[in-house]
C-alpha atoms as a PDB file:
ATOM      1  CA  UNK A   1     -18.020 -12.891  -0.130  1.00  0.00           C
ATOM      2  CA  UNK A   2     -15.240 -14.711   1.121  1.00  0.00           C
ATOM      3  CA  UNK A   3     -11.640 -13.875   1.184  1.00  0.00           C
ATOM      4  CA  UNK A   4      -9.467 -16.359  -0.771  1.00  0.00           C
ATOM      5  CA  UNK A   5      -6.049 -16.976  -0.467  1.00  0.00           C
ATOM      6  CA  UNK A   6      -4.069 -17.556  -4.205  1.00  0.00           C
ATOM      7  CA  UNK A   7      -0.755 -17.968  -5.486  1.00  0.00           C
ATOM      8  CA  UNK A   8       0.099 -16.917  -9.162  1.00  0.00           C
ATOM      9  CA  UNK A   9       1.762 -18.952 -11.299  1.00  0.00           C
ATOM     10  CA  UNK A  10       3.641 -16.485 -12.948  1.00  0.00           C
ATOM     11  CA  UNK A  11       5.503 -14.590 -10.508  1.00  0.00           C
ATOM     12  CA  UNK A  12       5.077 -16.625  -7.629  1.00  0.00           C
ATOM     13  CA  UNK A  13       3.125 -13.825  -5.437  1.00  0.00           C
ATOM     14  CA  UNK A  14       0.862 -15.091  -2.912  1.00  0.00           C
ATOM     15  CA  UNK A  15      -1.980 -12.473  -1.850  1.00  0.00           C
ATOM     16  CA  UNK A  16      -5.700 -12.786  -0.108  1.00  0.00           C
ATOM     17  CA  UNK A  17      -8.683 -11.259  -2.221  1.00  0.00           C
ATOM     18  CA  UNK A  18     -12.110 -10.796  -1.370  1.00  0.00           C
ATOM     19  CA  UNK A  19     -14.172 -12.301  -4.440  1.00  0.00           C
ATOM     20  CA  UNK A  20     -17.820 -12.976  -5.366  1.00  0.00           C
ATOM     21  CA  UNK A  21     -18.653 -16.929  -5.736  1.00  0.00           C
ATOM     22  CA  UNK A  22     -17.521 -17.826  -9.133  1.00  0.00           C
ATOM     23  CA  UNK A  23     -15.049 -15.260 -10.047  1.00  0.00           C
ATOM     24  CA  UNK A  24     -10.894 -15.297  -9.814  1.00  0.00           C
ATOM     25  CA  UNK A  25      -9.256 -12.261  -9.330  1.00  0.00           C
ATOM     26  CA  UNK A  26      -5.819 -11.030 -11.172  1.00  0.00           C
ATOM     27  CA  UNK A  27      -2.559 -10.917  -9.894  1.00  0.00           C
ATOM     28  CA  UNK A  28      -2.103  -7.665  -8.434  1.00  0.00           C
ATOM     29  CA  UNK A  29       1.569  -8.017  -8.972  1.00  0.00           C
ATOM     30  CA  UNK A  30       2.074  -9.021 -12.641  1.00  0.00           C
ATOM     31  CA  UNK A  31      -1.852  -8.966 -13.523  1.00  0.00           C
ATOM     32  CA  UNK A  32      -1.941 -12.565 -14.397  1.00  0.00           C
ATOM     33  CA  UNK A  33      -5.102 -14.820 -14.105  1.00  0.00           C
ATOM     34  CA  UNK A  34      -2.752 -18.385 -13.874  1.00  0.00           C
ATOM     35  CA  UNK A  35      -3.445 -18.555 -10.287  1.00  0.00           C
ATOM     36  CA  UNK A  36      -3.921 -21.330  -7.962  1.00  0.00           C
ATOM     37  CA  UNK A  37      -6.419 -21.086  -5.000  1.00  0.00           C
ATOM     38  CA  UNK A  38      -4.573 -22.119  -1.738  1.00  0.00           C
ATOM     39  CA  UNK A  39      -6.192 -24.097   1.464  1.00  0.00           C
ATOM     40  CA  UNK A  40      -6.194 -21.537   4.310  1.00  0.00           C
ATOM     41  CA  UNK A  41      -7.411 -22.179   7.694  1.00  0.00           C
ATOM     42  CA  UNK A  42     -10.530 -20.688   8.591  1.00  0.00           C
ATOM     43  CA  UNK A  43     -10.586 -18.231  11.277  1.00  0.00           C
ATOM     44  CA  UNK A  44     -11.725 -19.425  14.668  1.00  0.00           C
ATOM     45  CA  UNK A  45     -13.029 -16.323  17.059  1.00  0.00           C
ATOM     46  CA  UNK A  46     -13.760 -17.050  20.997  1.00  0.00           C
ATOM     47  CA  UNK A  47     -14.454 -14.874  23.628  1.00  0.00           C
ATOM     48  CA  UNK A  48     -10.876 -15.316  24.855  1.00  0.00           C
ATOM     49  CA  UNK A  49      -9.415 -14.712  21.327  1.00  0.00           C
ATOM     50  CA  UNK A  50     -11.435 -11.552  21.287  1.00  0.00           C
ATOM     51  CA  UNK A  51      -9.952 -10.294  24.751  1.00  0.00           C
ATOM     52  CA  UNK A  52      -6.273 -11.049  23.760  1.00  0.00           C
ATOM     53  CA  UNK A  53      -7.200  -9.160  20.604  1.00  0.00           C
ATOM     54  CA  UNK A  54      -8.678  -6.160  22.348  1.00  0.00           C
ATOM     55  CA  UNK A  55      -5.811  -6.223  24.594  1.00  0.00           C
ATOM     56  CA  UNK A  56      -3.554  -6.039  21.962  1.00  0.00           C
ATOM     57  CA  UNK A  57      -5.410  -3.249  20.421  1.00  0.00           C
ATOM     58  CA  UNK A  58      -5.571  -1.508  23.968  1.00  0.00           C
ATOM     59  CA  UNK A  59      -1.477  -1.575  24.234  1.00  0.00           C
ATOM     60  CA  UNK A  60      -1.146  -0.292  20.870  1.00  0.00           C
ATOM     61  CA  UNK A  61      -3.424   2.766  21.215  1.00  0.00           C
ATOM     62  CA  UNK A  62      -1.880   3.808  24.678  1.00  0.00           C
ATOM     63  CA  UNK A  63       1.904   3.498  23.213  1.00  0.00           C
ATOM     64  CA  UNK A  64       0.270   5.971  20.398  1.00  0.00           C
ATOM     65  CA  UNK A  65      -1.099   7.902  23.201  1.00  0.00           C
ATOM     66  CA  UNK A  66       2.238   8.210  24.714  1.00  0.00           C
ATOM     67  CA  UNK A  67       3.900   9.503  21.492  1.00  0.00           C
ATOM     68  CA  UNK A  68       1.732  12.222  20.901  1.00  0.00           C
ATOM     69  CA  UNK A  69       1.443  13.529  24.438  1.00  0.00           C
ATOM     70  CA  UNK A  70       5.687  13.425  24.292  1.00  0.00           C
ATOM     71  CA  UNK A  71       5.807  14.968  20.722  1.00  0.00           C
ATOM     72  CA  UNK A  72       3.418  17.686  21.788  1.00  0.00           C
ATOM     73  CA  UNK A  73       5.179  18.312  24.860  1.00  0.00           C
ATOM     74  CA  UNK A  74       8.374  18.533  22.611  1.00  0.00           C
ATOM     75  CA  UNK A  75       6.938  20.929  20.228  1.00  0.00           C
ATOM     76  CA  UNK A  76       5.542  23.045  23.523  1.00  0.00           C
ATOM     77  CA  UNK A  77       9.206  23.370  25.028  1.00  0.00           C
ATOM     78  CA  UNK A  78      10.495  24.391  21.503  1.00  0.00           C
ATOM     79  CA  UNK A  79       7.857  26.719  20.830  1.00  0.00           C
ATOM     80  CA  UNK A  80       8.507  28.192  23.856  1.00  0.00           C
ATOM     81  CA  UNK A  81      12.497  28.414  23.495  1.00  0.00           C
ATOM     82  CA  UNK A  82      11.798  29.750  19.919  1.00  0.00           C
ATOM     83  CA  UNK A  83       9.228  32.786  21.008  1.00  0.00           C
ATOM     84  CA  UNK A  84      10.568  33.824  24.394  1.00  0.00           C
ATOM     85  CA  UNK A  85      14.197  34.090  23.927  1.00  0.00           C
END
């Protein structure tokens, strides 16, 4: 099933929707069915774009990991301080 971009003529909201061939979704904002299907550029995947995306994901995962470790260390410091006074 392809993903299409739509613009609701009733509320002007733009959204993407995964739809079956021949079906038209309703607007998730107002429930209207008067939609305009927009022309969108196809996504192109190359080895370079995949590597870049993977690098961004690794960086974000590293930041989350550091935040978790920091939060755990802070929790342990507070726990020790509160329970060993």
